[in-house]
Protein backbone atom coordinates (compact mmCIF):
# COMPACT_ATOMS: atom_id res chain seq x y z
CA MET A 1 80.08 32.89 160.93
CA ARG A 2 80.87 34.85 164.05
CA GLU A 3 83.67 37.54 163.61
CA SER A 4 85.88 35.87 166.38
CA GLU A 5 85.71 32.59 164.28
CA ARG A 6 86.89 34.41 161.17
CA GLU A 7 89.70 36.29 162.97
CA THR A 8 90.77 32.88 164.54
CA ARG A 9 90.92 31.23 161.06
CA GLN A 10 92.75 34.15 159.57
CA ARG A 11 95.46 34.01 162.35
CA GLU A 12 95.85 30.21 161.76
CA LEU A 13 96.19 30.62 158.00
CA GLU A 14 98.73 33.55 158.32
CA ALA A 15 100.65 31.55 161.05
CA ALA A 16 100.93 28.63 158.68
CA GLY A 17 102.30 30.83 155.90
CA TRP A 18 99.17 31.14 153.71
CA GLY A 19 98.72 34.47 151.74
CA ARG A 20 95.48 36.40 152.01
CA ILE A 21 94.27 37.65 148.59
CA GLU A 22 91.10 39.86 147.91
CA ARG A 23 89.55 39.36 144.59
CA GLN A 24 86.18 40.78 143.45
CA GLY A 25 85.12 41.65 146.98
CA LYS A 26 85.96 38.05 148.22
CA VAL A 27 88.81 36.77 150.42
CA ILE A 28 90.80 33.74 149.11
CA TRP A 29 93.99 32.05 150.46
CA ARG A 30 97.08 30.93 148.62
CA ASN A 31 98.67 27.75 149.76
CA PRO A 32 102.39 28.45 150.38
CA LYS A 33 103.45 25.02 149.12
CA SER A 34 101.32 24.60 146.06
CA GLY A 35 100.39 28.17 145.05
CA TYR A 36 96.76 27.02 144.63
CA LEU A 37 94.04 29.33 145.84
CA TYR A 38 91.23 28.16 148.23
CA PRO A 39 88.29 29.64 149.99
CA GLU A 40 88.87 30.34 153.56
CA ASP A 41 87.03 27.48 155.11
CA VAL A 42 88.76 24.93 152.81
CA ALA A 43 92.17 26.45 153.54
CA ALA A 44 91.47 26.35 157.40
CA ALA A 45 90.40 22.78 157.05
CA MET A 46 93.48 21.91 155.13
CA ILE A 47 95.81 23.23 157.74
CA ARG A 48 93.90 21.68 160.64
CA GLU A 49 93.90 18.27 158.91
CA GLU A 50 97.38 18.83 157.29
CA ALA A 51 95.84 17.65 154.03
CA ASP A 52 97.61 17.10 150.77
CA PRO A 53 96.56 19.86 148.31
CA GLY A 54 95.87 17.26 145.67
CA GLU A 55 93.10 15.74 147.94
CA VAL A 56 90.90 18.83 147.90
CA PRO A 57 89.23 19.84 144.63
CA LYS A 58 90.33 23.14 143.08
CA GLU A 59 86.76 24.18 142.41
CA PRO A 60 83.86 23.81 144.70
CA GLU A 61 81.36 21.15 143.69
CA GLY A 62 78.81 22.28 141.13
CA GLU A 63 81.05 24.81 139.38
CA ALA A 64 82.70 24.34 136.19
């Protein structure tokens, strides 16, 4: 991903009230409504689509 795309996503998430959290060298985002944590790409898709947090899995596919 290009740096400008990442910066754009971060600005969108921050503007929507999402909180940036760094854990074990990775960045995840806290949904301000549910408190759930999501990877950046999922969080960005959620705000763009205004998805219900219950519609997106908490864990990526293939992980238990």
